[in-house]
């Protein structure tokens, strides 16, 4: 990518991150009896986006040559992940968090690196289960549970 494009993108993402942080403060802090309110997720996303934007901007400053190597765009993996994301969004409530997140992560991991199916399954299962446990049991939040048919 071009260094100028990366600088512009870092400033744009920094702005979006700050807007996420500001916007999250206008969301009510609790809903449905949950200790963790709906304002936490956009707030954390905003912080992560701000930190990554600062990192990208810093990398553009230390890169002296002005250009990095040109990479070929990969449309097929991008399309697969976009479609998987849409399916994830549409099925999250009806199928439940653990199953949809597991399947989504396996599809995304296999799209990025096909040869490691077993490790993709293990990581996806561990991530789905641990996040569900931490959010629902430890933090007393709410996530879509298991489907009725399960």
N, C-alpha and C. Protein backbone atom coordinates (compact mmCIF):
# COMPACT_ATOMS: atom_id res chain seq x y z
N UNK A 1 0.83 -1.19 0.00
CA UNK A 1 0.00 0.00 0.00
C UNK A 1 0.87 1.25 0.00
N UNK A 2 0.28 2.31 -0.37
CA UNK A 2 0.96 3.59 -0.36
C UNK A 2 0.98 4.15 1.06
N UNK A 3 2.07 4.80 1.40
CA UNK A 3 2.20 5.36 2.73
C UNK A 3 1.17 6.47 2.96
N UNK A 4 0.92 7.29 1.95
CA UNK A 4 -0.07 8.36 2.10
C UNK A 4 -1.46 7.78 2.37
N UNK A 5 -1.80 6.70 1.68
CA UNK A 5 -3.09 6.05 1.91
C UNK A 5 -3.17 5.51 3.33
N UNK A 6 -2.09 4.89 3.80
CA UNK A 6 -2.08 4.35 5.16
C UNK A 6 -2.20 5.45 6.20
N UNK A 7 -1.56 6.57 5.97
CA UNK A 7 -1.69 7.70 6.91
C UNK A 7 -3.12 8.22 6.93
N UNK A 8 -3.69 8.38 5.75
CA UNK A 8 -5.07 8.85 5.66
C UNK A 8 -6.01 7.87 6.34
N UNK A 9 -5.81 6.57 6.08
CA UNK A 9 -6.66 5.54 6.68
C UNK A 9 -6.51 5.54 8.20
N UNK A 10 -5.29 5.73 8.70
CA UNK A 10 -5.09 5.73 10.15
C UNK A 10 -5.81 6.90 10.80
N UNK A 11 -5.78 8.05 10.17
CA UNK A 11 -6.48 9.22 10.71
C UNK A 11 -7.99 9.00 10.65
N UNK A 12 -8.48 8.43 9.56
CA UNK A 12 -9.90 8.14 9.42
C UNK A 12 -10.36 7.14 10.48
N UNK A 13 -9.61 6.05 10.68
CA UNK A 13 -9.97 5.06 11.68
C UNK A 13 -9.84 5.60 13.10
N UNK A 14 -8.89 6.48 13.31
CA UNK A 14 -8.76 7.12 14.62
C UNK A 14 -10.01 7.95 14.91
N UNK A 15 -10.48 8.67 13.92
CA UNK A 15 -11.70 9.47 14.08
C UNK A 15 -12.90 8.58 14.37
N UNK A 16 -13.02 7.49 13.62
CA UNK A 16 -14.14 6.56 13.84
C UNK A 16 -14.05 5.96 15.24
N UNK A 17 -12.86 5.59 15.68
CA UNK A 17 -12.68 5.04 17.02
C UNK A 17 -13.09 6.02 18.11
N UNK A 18 -12.69 7.27 17.96
CA UNK A 18 -13.07 8.29 18.94
C UNK A 18 -14.60 8.49 18.93
N UNK A 19 -15.20 8.46 17.74
CA UNK A 19 -16.66 8.58 17.66
C UNK A 19 -17.36 7.39 18.32
N UNK A 20 -16.78 6.18 18.19
CA UNK A 20 -17.33 5.01 18.88
C UNK A 20 -17.29 5.22 20.39
N UNK A 21 -16.17 5.72 20.88
CA UNK A 21 -16.02 5.93 22.33
C UNK A 21 -17.03 6.98 22.81
N UNK A 22 -17.14 8.07 22.09
CA UNK A 22 -18.09 9.12 22.47
C UNK A 22 -19.52 8.61 22.37
N UNK A 23 -19.83 7.92 21.27
CA UNK A 23 -21.18 7.40 21.07
C UNK A 23 -21.58 6.36 22.09
N UNK A 24 -20.61 5.57 22.56
CA UNK A 24 -20.94 4.54 23.54
C UNK A 24 -21.35 5.14 24.87
N UNK A 25 -20.92 6.34 25.15
CA UNK A 25 -21.28 7.00 26.40
C UNK A 25 -22.73 7.50 26.38
N UNK A 26 -23.34 7.55 25.20
CA UNK A 26 -24.73 7.98 25.09
C UNK A 26 -25.70 6.81 25.12
N UNK A 27 -25.19 5.60 25.19
CA UNK A 27 -26.04 4.41 25.28
C UNK A 27 -26.30 4.15 26.76
N UNK A 28 -27.52 3.74 27.06
CA UNK A 28 -27.83 3.47 28.47
C UNK A 28 -26.91 2.39 29.01
N UNK A 29 -26.54 2.50 30.27
CA UNK A 29 -25.51 1.62 30.82
C UNK A 29 -26.02 0.24 31.21
N UNK A 30 -27.31 0.05 31.34
CA UNK A 30 -27.79 -1.29 31.68
C UNK A 30 -29.10 -1.58 30.95
N UNK A 31 -29.28 -2.86 30.65
CA UNK A 31 -30.52 -3.28 30.04
C UNK A 31 -30.76 -4.74 30.37
N UNK A 32 -31.99 -5.12 30.44
CA UNK A 32 -32.39 -6.51 30.66
C UNK A 32 -31.76 -7.09 31.92
N UNK A 33 -31.48 -6.30 32.92
CA UNK A 33 -30.95 -6.80 34.18
C UNK A 33 -29.51 -7.25 34.11
N UNK A 34 -28.80 -6.89 33.09
CA UNK A 34 -27.42 -7.32 32.90
C UNK A 34 -26.46 -6.36 33.60
N UNK A 35 -25.44 -6.91 34.22
CA UNK A 35 -24.42 -6.08 34.86
C UNK A 35 -23.59 -5.37 33.79
N UNK A 36 -23.28 -6.09 32.72
CA UNK A 36 -22.51 -5.52 31.61
C UNK A 36 -23.52 -4.93 30.64
N UNK A 37 -23.46 -3.63 30.46
CA UNK A 37 -24.43 -2.96 29.61
C UNK A 37 -24.03 -2.96 28.14
N UNK A 38 -24.93 -2.49 27.30
CA UNK A 38 -24.67 -2.45 25.86
C UNK A 38 -23.64 -1.39 25.46
N UNK A 39 -23.23 -0.56 26.39
CA UNK A 39 -22.25 0.47 26.09
C UNK A 39 -20.82 -0.05 26.12
N UNK A 40 -20.58 -1.21 26.71
CA UNK A 40 -19.22 -1.73 26.88
C UNK A 40 -18.60 -2.14 25.54
N UNK A 41 -19.35 -2.87 24.72
CA UNK A 41 -18.80 -3.40 23.47
C UNK A 41 -18.34 -2.28 22.52
N UNK A 42 -19.17 -1.27 22.21
CA UNK A 42 -18.67 -0.21 21.33
C UNK A 42 -17.54 0.60 21.95
N UNK A 43 -17.55 0.74 23.28
CA UNK A 43 -16.47 1.46 23.95
C UNK A 43 -15.14 0.73 23.77
N UNK A 44 -15.14 -0.59 23.99
CA UNK A 44 -13.92 -1.38 23.84
C UNK A 44 -13.48 -1.40 22.37
N UNK A 45 -14.43 -1.53 21.45
CA UNK A 45 -14.08 -1.49 20.03
C UNK A 45 -13.45 -0.15 19.65
N UNK A 46 -13.98 0.92 20.19
CA UNK A 46 -13.42 2.24 19.93
C UNK A 46 -11.99 2.36 20.43
N UNK A 47 -11.74 1.85 21.63
CA UNK A 47 -10.38 1.89 22.18
C UNK A 47 -9.42 1.08 21.31
N UNK A 48 -9.85 -0.12 20.92
CA UNK A 48 -8.99 -0.96 20.07
C UNK A 48 -8.72 -0.28 18.74
N UNK A 49 -9.75 0.31 18.14
CA UNK A 49 -9.57 1.00 16.86
C UNK A 49 -8.63 2.19 16.99
N UNK A 50 -8.74 2.93 18.07
CA UNK A 50 -7.84 4.07 18.31
C UNK A 50 -6.39 3.58 18.44
N UNK A 51 -6.19 2.54 19.24
CA UNK A 51 -4.83 2.03 19.44
C UNK A 51 -4.22 1.49 18.15
N UNK A 52 -5.00 0.75 17.38
CA UNK A 52 -4.49 0.23 16.10
C UNK A 52 -4.23 1.36 15.10
N UNK A 53 -5.05 2.39 15.13
CA UNK A 53 -4.84 3.54 14.24
C UNK A 53 -3.54 4.27 14.58
N UNK A 54 -3.29 4.43 15.87
CA UNK A 54 -2.04 5.07 16.29
C UNK A 54 -0.85 4.23 15.86
N UNK A 55 -0.98 2.91 15.99
CA UNK A 55 0.11 2.01 15.56
C UNK A 55 0.35 2.14 14.06
N UNK A 56 -0.71 2.15 13.26
CA UNK A 56 -0.57 2.28 11.81
C UNK A 56 0.08 3.62 11.45
N UNK A 57 -0.35 4.70 12.10
CA UNK A 57 0.24 6.00 11.82
C UNK A 57 1.72 6.01 12.18
N UNK A 58 2.07 5.40 13.31
CA UNK A 58 3.48 5.32 13.72
C UNK A 58 4.30 4.54 12.68
N UNK A 59 3.76 3.45 12.18
CA UNK A 59 4.48 2.66 11.17
C UNK A 59 4.68 3.44 9.88
N UNK A 60 3.74 4.31 9.53
CA UNK A 60 3.93 5.12 8.33
C UNK A 60 5.02 6.17 8.55
N UNK A 61 5.19 6.61 9.78
CA UNK A 61 6.24 7.59 10.06
C UNK A 61 7.64 6.98 10.02
N UNK A 62 7.77 5.71 10.46
CA UNK A 62 9.10 5.09 10.48
C UNK A 62 9.48 4.46 9.15
N UNK A 63 8.51 4.30 8.24
CA UNK A 63 8.80 3.76 6.91
C UNK A 63 9.36 4.88 6.04
N UNK A 64 10.63 4.77 5.68
CA UNK A 64 11.31 5.86 4.98
C UNK A 64 11.12 5.84 3.46
N UNK A 65 10.92 4.66 2.84
CA UNK A 65 10.91 4.59 1.38
C UNK A 65 9.63 5.09 0.75
N UNK A 66 8.53 5.20 1.49
CA UNK A 66 7.32 5.77 0.93
C UNK A 66 6.41 4.76 0.27
N UNK A 67 6.90 3.62 -0.10
CA UNK A 67 6.09 2.59 -0.73
C UNK A 67 6.43 1.25 -0.10
N UNK A 68 5.43 0.44 0.05
CA UNK A 68 5.69 -0.94 0.42
C UNK A 68 5.35 -1.81 -0.78
N UNK A 69 5.66 -3.09 -0.69
CA UNK A 69 5.45 -3.93 -1.86
C UNK A 69 3.97 -4.04 -2.19
N UNK A 70 3.68 -4.11 -3.47
CA UNK A 70 2.32 -4.18 -3.96
C UNK A 70 1.84 -5.62 -3.88
N UNK A 71 0.71 -5.86 -3.23
CA UNK A 71 0.16 -7.19 -3.10
C UNK A 71 -1.07 -7.33 -3.98
N UNK A 72 -1.28 -8.54 -4.49
CA UNK A 72 -2.45 -8.82 -5.30
C UNK A 72 -3.67 -8.94 -4.40
N UNK A 73 -4.77 -8.33 -4.81
CA UNK A 73 -5.99 -8.38 -4.02
C UNK A 73 -6.62 -9.76 -4.15
N UNK A 74 -7.11 -10.29 -3.05
CA UNK A 74 -7.73 -11.61 -3.04
C UNK A 74 -9.23 -11.44 -2.81
N UNK A 75 -9.98 -11.50 -3.90
CA UNK A 75 -11.42 -11.26 -3.84
C UNK A 75 -12.20 -12.45 -3.30
N UNK A 76 -11.78 -13.67 -3.62
CA UNK A 76 -12.52 -14.85 -3.21
C UNK A 76 -12.55 -15.00 -1.68
N UNK A 77 -11.40 -14.95 -0.97
CA UNK A 77 -11.47 -15.03 0.49
C UNK A 77 -12.28 -13.90 1.11
N UNK A 78 -12.18 -12.71 0.53
CA UNK A 78 -12.93 -11.57 1.03
C UNK A 78 -14.43 -11.84 0.90
N UNK A 79 -14.85 -12.35 -0.25
CA UNK A 79 -16.27 -12.64 -0.47
C UNK A 79 -16.76 -13.74 0.47
N UNK A 80 -15.94 -14.76 0.68
CA UNK A 80 -16.33 -15.85 1.58
C UNK A 80 -16.53 -15.32 3.00
N UNK A 81 -15.63 -14.49 3.47
CA UNK A 81 -15.75 -13.96 4.83
C UNK A 81 -16.93 -13.00 4.96
N UNK A 82 -17.20 -12.20 3.93
CA UNK A 82 -18.36 -11.31 3.96
C UNK A 82 -19.65 -12.12 4.02
N UNK A 83 -19.75 -13.16 3.20
CA UNK A 83 -20.95 -14.01 3.21
C UNK A 83 -21.08 -14.73 4.55
N UNK A 84 -19.97 -15.24 5.10
CA UNK A 84 -20.01 -15.90 6.40
C UNK A 84 -20.45 -14.92 7.49
N UNK A 85 -20.04 -13.68 7.39
CA UNK A 85 -20.44 -12.67 8.37
C UNK A 85 -21.94 -12.40 8.29
N UNK A 86 -22.46 -12.31 7.07
CA UNK A 86 -23.90 -12.09 6.91
C UNK A 86 -24.71 -13.27 7.44
N UNK A 87 -24.25 -14.49 7.16
CA UNK A 87 -24.93 -15.68 7.68
C UNK A 87 -24.86 -15.69 9.21
N UNK A 88 -23.72 -15.32 9.76
CA UNK A 88 -23.54 -15.24 11.21
C UNK A 88 -24.54 -14.27 11.83
N UNK A 89 -24.66 -13.11 11.23
CA UNK A 89 -25.58 -12.09 11.75
C UNK A 89 -27.02 -12.58 11.70
N UNK A 90 -27.39 -13.23 10.60
CA UNK A 90 -28.77 -13.66 10.41
C UNK A 90 -29.15 -14.87 11.27
N UNK A 91 -28.18 -15.68 11.66
CA UNK A 91 -28.49 -16.90 12.41
C UNK A 91 -28.12 -16.83 13.89
N UNK A 92 -27.54 -15.76 14.33
CA UNK A 92 -27.08 -15.67 15.72
C UNK A 92 -28.22 -15.87 16.73
N UNK A 93 -29.33 -15.21 16.55
CA UNK A 93 -30.44 -15.32 17.50
C UNK A 93 -31.09 -16.69 17.46
N UNK A 94 -31.28 -17.25 16.28
CA UNK A 94 -32.02 -18.51 16.19
C UNK A 94 -31.19 -19.74 16.52
N UNK A 95 -29.91 -19.72 16.21
CA UNK A 95 -29.05 -20.87 16.45
C UNK A 95 -28.29 -20.75 17.76
N UNK A 96 -28.02 -19.55 18.20
CA UNK A 96 -27.31 -19.34 19.45
C UNK A 96 -25.87 -18.92 19.23
N UNK A 97 -25.31 -18.30 20.27
CA UNK A 97 -23.98 -17.73 20.17
C UNK A 97 -22.90 -18.79 19.96
N UNK A 98 -22.89 -19.82 20.76
CA UNK A 98 -21.78 -20.78 20.75
C UNK A 98 -21.68 -21.48 19.40
N UNK A 99 -22.80 -21.98 18.88
CA UNK A 99 -22.76 -22.73 17.61
C UNK A 99 -22.42 -21.81 16.44
N UNK A 100 -23.09 -20.65 16.35
CA UNK A 100 -22.83 -19.76 15.21
C UNK A 100 -21.41 -19.19 15.25
N UNK A 101 -20.93 -18.85 16.43
CA UNK A 101 -19.57 -18.32 16.53
C UNK A 101 -18.55 -19.39 16.18
N UNK A 102 -18.77 -20.60 16.65
CA UNK A 102 -17.89 -21.71 16.31
C UNK A 102 -17.83 -21.92 14.79
N UNK A 103 -18.99 -22.02 14.14
CA UNK A 103 -19.01 -22.25 12.70
C UNK A 103 -18.40 -21.07 11.93
N UNK A 104 -18.71 -19.86 12.38
CA UNK A 104 -18.15 -18.67 11.73
C UNK A 104 -16.63 -18.65 11.81
N UNK A 105 -16.09 -18.94 12.98
CA UNK A 105 -14.64 -18.94 13.15
C UNK A 105 -13.97 -20.04 12.34
N UNK A 106 -14.57 -21.22 12.30
CA UNK A 106 -13.99 -22.31 11.50
C UNK A 106 -13.95 -21.92 10.03
N UNK A 107 -15.04 -21.35 9.52
CA UNK A 107 -15.07 -20.91 8.11
C UNK A 107 -14.00 -19.85 7.85
N UNK A 108 -13.90 -18.87 8.74
CA UNK A 108 -12.92 -17.80 8.55
C UNK A 108 -11.48 -18.32 8.66
N UNK A 109 -11.21 -19.17 9.64
CA UNK A 109 -9.86 -19.73 9.78
C UNK A 109 -9.49 -20.57 8.56
N UNK A 110 -10.44 -21.35 8.06
CA UNK A 110 -10.16 -22.19 6.90
C UNK A 110 -10.02 -21.36 5.62
N UNK A 111 -10.69 -20.24 5.57
CA UNK A 111 -10.54 -19.34 4.43
C UNK A 111 -9.14 -18.75 4.40
N UNK A 112 -8.62 -18.43 5.58
CA UNK A 112 -7.29 -17.83 5.66
C UNK A 112 -6.18 -18.86 5.52
N UNK A 113 -6.37 -20.04 6.10
CA UNK A 113 -5.33 -21.06 6.05
C UNK A 113 -5.97 -22.44 6.07
N UNK A 114 -6.05 -23.09 4.91
CA UNK A 114 -6.80 -24.33 4.74
C UNK A 114 -6.21 -25.55 5.43
N UNK A 115 -4.95 -25.64 5.60
CA UNK A 115 -4.31 -26.89 5.99
C UNK A 115 -4.42 -27.23 7.47
N UNK A 116 -4.95 -26.37 8.28
CA UNK A 116 -4.97 -26.59 9.73
C UNK A 116 -6.40 -26.72 10.25
N UNK A 117 -7.12 -27.74 9.79
CA UNK A 117 -8.51 -27.92 10.17
C UNK A 117 -8.66 -28.26 11.64
N UNK A 118 -7.86 -29.16 12.15
CA UNK A 118 -7.99 -29.57 13.55
C UNK A 118 -7.71 -28.40 14.50
N UNK A 119 -6.65 -27.65 14.23
CA UNK A 119 -6.36 -26.51 15.10
C UNK A 119 -7.43 -25.42 14.97
N UNK A 120 -8.00 -25.27 13.78
CA UNK A 120 -9.10 -24.30 13.61
C UNK A 120 -10.30 -24.70 14.44
N UNK A 121 -10.63 -25.98 14.45
CA UNK A 121 -11.77 -26.47 15.23
C UNK A 121 -11.51 -26.29 16.72
N UNK A 122 -10.32 -26.63 17.17
CA UNK A 122 -9.99 -26.51 18.59
C UNK A 122 -10.04 -25.05 19.05
N UNK A 123 -9.43 -24.16 18.27
CA UNK A 123 -9.40 -22.74 18.64
C UNK A 123 -10.80 -22.14 18.61
N UNK A 124 -11.59 -22.47 17.58
CA UNK A 124 -12.94 -21.94 17.47
C UNK A 124 -13.82 -22.43 18.62
N UNK A 125 -13.70 -23.71 18.97
CA UNK A 125 -14.50 -24.25 20.07
C UNK A 125 -14.09 -23.63 21.39
N UNK A 126 -12.80 -23.53 21.63
CA UNK A 126 -12.31 -22.94 22.88
C UNK A 126 -12.73 -21.48 22.99
N UNK A 127 -12.57 -20.72 21.92
CA UNK A 127 -12.93 -19.31 21.95
C UNK A 127 -14.42 -19.13 22.21
N UNK A 128 -15.25 -19.87 21.48
CA UNK A 128 -16.71 -19.75 21.64
C UNK A 128 -17.13 -20.10 23.06
N UNK A 129 -16.63 -21.21 23.56
CA UNK A 129 -17.01 -21.63 24.90
C UNK A 129 -16.51 -20.71 25.99
N UNK A 130 -15.27 -20.31 25.90
CA UNK A 130 -14.68 -19.45 26.95
C UNK A 130 -15.34 -18.07 26.97
N UNK A 131 -15.55 -17.49 25.79
CA UNK A 131 -16.19 -16.17 25.75
C UNK A 131 -17.61 -16.25 26.28
N UNK A 132 -18.35 -17.31 25.90
CA UNK A 132 -19.71 -17.46 26.41
C UNK A 132 -19.71 -17.59 27.93
N UNK A 133 -18.83 -18.43 28.45
CA UNK A 133 -18.74 -18.61 29.90
C UNK A 133 -18.38 -17.30 30.61
N UNK A 134 -17.35 -16.63 30.11
CA UNK A 134 -16.92 -15.39 30.76
C UNK A 134 -18.00 -14.32 30.72
N UNK A 135 -18.64 -14.17 29.57
CA UNK A 135 -19.62 -13.09 29.44
C UNK A 135 -20.90 -13.40 30.20
N UNK A 136 -21.40 -14.63 30.08
CA UNK A 136 -22.68 -14.96 30.69
C UNK A 136 -22.55 -15.30 32.17
N UNK A 137 -21.59 -16.15 32.52
CA UNK A 137 -21.50 -16.60 33.91
C UNK A 137 -20.70 -15.65 34.80
N UNK A 138 -19.57 -15.18 34.32
CA UNK A 138 -18.72 -14.33 35.15
C UNK A 138 -19.22 -12.89 35.17
N UNK A 139 -19.48 -12.32 34.00
CA UNK A 139 -19.89 -10.91 33.93
C UNK A 139 -21.40 -10.72 34.03
N UNK A 140 -22.14 -11.82 34.04
CA UNK A 140 -23.61 -11.79 34.15
C UNK A 140 -24.26 -11.02 33.00
N UNK A 141 -23.68 -11.13 31.81
CA UNK A 141 -24.24 -10.54 30.62
C UNK A 141 -25.22 -11.49 29.96
N UNK A 142 -25.77 -11.09 28.82
CA UNK A 142 -26.69 -11.95 28.10
C UNK A 142 -26.21 -12.13 26.67
N UNK A 143 -26.23 -13.36 26.21
CA UNK A 143 -25.94 -13.73 24.83
C UNK A 143 -26.99 -14.74 24.41
N UNK A 144 -27.27 -14.82 23.11
CA UNK A 144 -28.22 -15.84 22.66
C UNK A 144 -27.75 -17.23 23.10
N UNK A 145 -28.62 -17.96 23.75
CA UNK A 145 -28.25 -19.28 24.29
C UNK A 145 -28.26 -20.36 23.23
N UNK A 146 -28.56 -21.56 23.67
CA UNK A 146 -28.59 -22.70 22.77
C UNK A 146 -29.94 -22.76 22.08
N UNK A 147 -29.98 -23.30 20.86
CA UNK A 147 -31.27 -23.41 20.16
C UNK A 147 -32.17 -24.44 20.84
N UNK A 148 -33.45 -24.33 20.60
CA UNK A 148 -34.44 -25.22 21.21
C UNK A 148 -34.18 -26.67 20.79
N UNK A 149 -33.80 -26.88 19.55
CA UNK A 149 -33.61 -28.23 19.01
C UNK A 149 -32.33 -28.89 19.49
N UNK A 150 -31.49 -28.19 20.22
CA UNK A 150 -30.21 -28.77 20.64
C UNK A 150 -30.32 -29.49 21.95
